[in-house]
Protein backbone atom coordinates (compact mmCIF):
# COMPACT_ATOMS: atom_id res chain seq x y z
CA MET A 1 -25.67 -36.90 -37.46
CA LYS A 2 -23.42 -35.40 -40.09
CA SER A 3 -21.32 -37.66 -42.23
CA HIS A 4 -17.62 -37.15 -42.69
CA SER A 5 -15.85 -36.65 -45.91
CA SER A 6 -12.65 -38.54 -46.52
CA ASP A 7 -10.64 -35.30 -46.85
CA GLY A 8 -11.09 -34.46 -43.14
CA SER A 9 -13.18 -31.29 -43.57
CA GLY A 10 -15.87 -32.73 -41.26
CA HIS A 11 -13.30 -32.96 -38.48
CA LYS A 12 -13.13 -29.16 -38.15
CA GLU A 13 -16.88 -28.99 -37.60
CA TRP A 14 -16.55 -31.26 -34.58
CA GLN A 15 -13.42 -29.70 -33.07
CA GLY A 16 -15.28 -27.34 -30.68
CA ARG A 17 -17.84 -29.95 -29.64
CA LEU A 18 -15.14 -32.58 -29.09
CA SER A 19 -13.14 -30.12 -26.95
CA ALA A 20 -16.21 -29.28 -24.85
CA TRP A 21 -16.94 -33.00 -24.38
CA PHE A 22 -13.31 -33.70 -23.40
CA ASP A 23 -13.45 -30.91 -20.80
CA GLY A 24 -16.83 -32.10 -19.46
CA GLU A 25 -18.57 -28.90 -20.53
CA CYS A 26 -21.38 -30.17 -22.77
CA SER A 27 -24.95 -31.33 -22.20
CA GLU A 28 -25.98 -34.98 -22.15
CA LEU A 29 -27.46 -34.67 -25.65
CA ASP A 30 -24.23 -33.19 -27.05
CA ALA A 31 -22.19 -35.82 -25.20
CA ALA A 32 -24.23 -38.61 -26.83
CA GLU A 33 -23.71 -37.06 -30.28
CA VAL A 34 -19.96 -36.69 -29.69
CA ARG A 35 -19.67 -40.33 -28.57
CA ALA A 36 -21.51 -41.45 -31.71
CA HIS A 37 -19.25 -39.22 -33.80
CA LEU A 38 -16.15 -40.78 -32.22
CA LEU A 39 -17.31 -44.23 -33.35
CA ASP A 40 -17.33 -43.01 -36.98
CA SER A 41 -14.27 -40.70 -37.01
CA PRO A 42 -10.76 -42.11 -36.62
CA GLN A 43 -9.36 -38.57 -36.99
CA SER A 44 -11.41 -37.31 -34.00
CA ARG A 45 -10.40 -40.38 -31.98
CA ALA A 46 -6.75 -39.61 -32.78
CA GLN A 47 -7.28 -35.98 -31.68
CA LEU A 48 -8.89 -37.19 -28.46
CA GLN A 49 -6.00 -39.59 -27.83
CA GLU A 50 -3.51 -36.73 -28.35
CA TRP A 51 -5.37 -34.53 -25.84
CA ARG A 52 -5.41 -37.37 -23.29
CA GLY A 53 -1.63 -37.72 -23.66
CA LEU A 54 -1.17 -33.97 -23.15
CA ARG A 55 -3.41 -34.03 -20.07
CA ASP A 56 -1.43 -36.94 -18.61
CA ASN A 57 1.88 -35.16 -19.27
CA LEU A 58 0.58 -31.95 -17.70
CA ALA A 59 -0.51 -33.92 -14.65
CA LEU A 60 3.11 -35.00 -14.20
CA LEU A 61 4.15 -31.35 -14.02
CA GLN A 62 1.68 -30.53 -11.25
CA PRO A 63 3.35 -30.20 -7.87
CA GLU A 64 2.38 -32.55 -5.09
CA GLU A 65 0.08 -31.37 -2.36
CA PRO A 66 2.20 -30.01 0.49
CA SER A 67 2.37 -32.25 3.53
CA GLU A 68 0.83 -31.25 6.85
CA ILE A 69 4.30 -31.04 8.37
CA LEU A 70 5.44 -28.62 5.66
CA LEU A 71 2.31 -26.49 6.08
CA GLU A 72 2.84 -26.36 9.85
CA ARG A 73 6.51 -25.35 9.42
CA MET A 74 5.51 -22.62 6.97
CA ARG A 75 2.81 -21.35 9.35
CA LEU A 76 5.27 -21.20 12.26
CA ARG A 77 7.90 -19.39 10.17
CA PHE A 78 5.29 -16.91 8.98
CA GLU A 79 4.07 -16.24 12.52
CA ASP A 80 7.64 -15.91 13.79
CA GLY A 81 8.45 -13.48 10.98
CA MET A 82 5.32 -11.45 11.72
CA ALA A 83 6.19 -11.34 15.43
CA GLN A 84 9.71 -10.13 14.60
CA GLU A 85 8.34 -7.47 12.26
CA VAL A 86 5.83 -6.25 14.86
CA PHE A 87 8.62 -6.09 17.46
CA GLN A 88 10.84 -4.04 15.14
CA VAL A 89 8.02 -1.63 14.31
CA SER A 90 7.10 -1.19 17.98
CA ARG A 91 10.76 -0.52 18.86
CA ALA A 92 10.97 2.11 16.10
CA LEU A 93 7.76 3.75 17.30
CA ARG A 94 9.08 3.81 20.85
CA SER A 95 12.21 5.65 19.63
CA TRP A 96 10.11 8.17 17.73
CA ASN A 97 7.92 8.73 20.81
CA VAL A 98 10.99 9.47 22.94
CA ALA A 99 12.34 11.88 20.30
CA ALA A 100 8.99 13.66 20.04
CA ALA A 101 8.73 13.98 23.84
CA LEU A 102 12.25 15.44 24.07
CA LEU A 103 11.54 17.92 21.29
CA LEU A 104 8.28 18.98 22.91
CA THR A 105 9.97 19.39 26.31
CA PHE A 106 12.78 21.47 24.81
CA GLY A 107 10.37 23.71 22.90
CA LEU A 108 8.13 24.22 25.92
CA GLY A 109 11.16 25.01 28.10
CA MET A 110 12.40 27.62 25.63
CA TRP A 111 8.97 29.23 25.43
CA LEU A 112 8.55 29.32 29.21
CA SER A 113 12.04 30.76 29.78
CA ASP A 114 11.42 33.48 27.22
CA ARG A 115 8.02 34.25 28.66
CA PHE A 116 8.62 34.23 32.43
CA LEU A 117 12.31 34.54 33.18
CA THR A 118 12.91 37.89 31.51
CA SER A 119 12.06 40.93 33.69
CA GLY A 120 10.08 43.81 32.27
CA PRO A 121 9.84 44.96 28.74
CA GLN A 122 13.00 44.70 26.72
CA ASN A 123 12.50 47.70 24.43
CA VAL A 124 10.35 50.77 24.84
CA TYR A 125 9.37 52.61 21.72
CA ALA A 126 7.62 55.97 21.43
CA SER A 127 4.26 55.59 19.86
CA GLN A 128 5.28 58.04 17.18
CA SER A 129 8.52 59.84 16.48
CA SER A 130 6.66 63.15 16.29
CA ASP A 131 5.69 62.83 20.00
CA LEU A 132 9.32 62.40 20.95
CA ASP A 133 10.33 65.33 18.77
CA ALA A 134 7.66 67.54 20.37
CA ALA A 135 8.84 66.67 23.90
CA ILE A 136 12.44 67.50 23.01
CA GLU A 137 11.33 70.74 21.39
CA GLU A 138 9.41 71.73 24.52
CA LEU A 139 12.41 71.11 26.78
CA LEU A 140 14.70 73.14 24.56
CA ASN A 141 12.30 76.08 24.33
CA ARG A 142 11.72 76.49 28.08
CA PRO A 143 13.15 79.60 29.54
CA PRO A 144 16.13 78.98 31.73
CA ALA A 145 15.30 78.73 35.39
CA ASP A 146 16.25 81.73 37.53
CA PRO A 147 18.93 80.62 40.02
CA ALA A 148 17.79 83.23 42.56
CA SER A 149 14.24 81.92 42.59
CA SER A 150 15.29 78.38 43.34
CA HIS A 151 16.88 79.43 46.71
């Protein structure tokens, strides 16, 4: 075991090991060495006493475990809130379904009325304007009909 100088420089060497021992994170061999060190070092004992005081004070700040009654009340409120949220979402979806059905019905009705309720073609276009011009030209260039031959 290392000896300690009176100026406290040996204390810094043991700081990490003492902390590990205090937290229960060292091996049995290290724990035995730390315990022996504590017998010889009033400064390390004082440090250990300070840490124990801090741990005790921190324990006072820890909240109590919640009671079973409180946990049950919280569970019921959570379930009630979830049920309310599910109800609101389902009501909103129902509204959207109705709106979508109405829109689909309207669109289908418009398409069917345009498709089946109109009679015949709306506009007739000549395949080419030159065909129309040729037909007009032919009618204008025909010789006039003889009125005597028609009787």
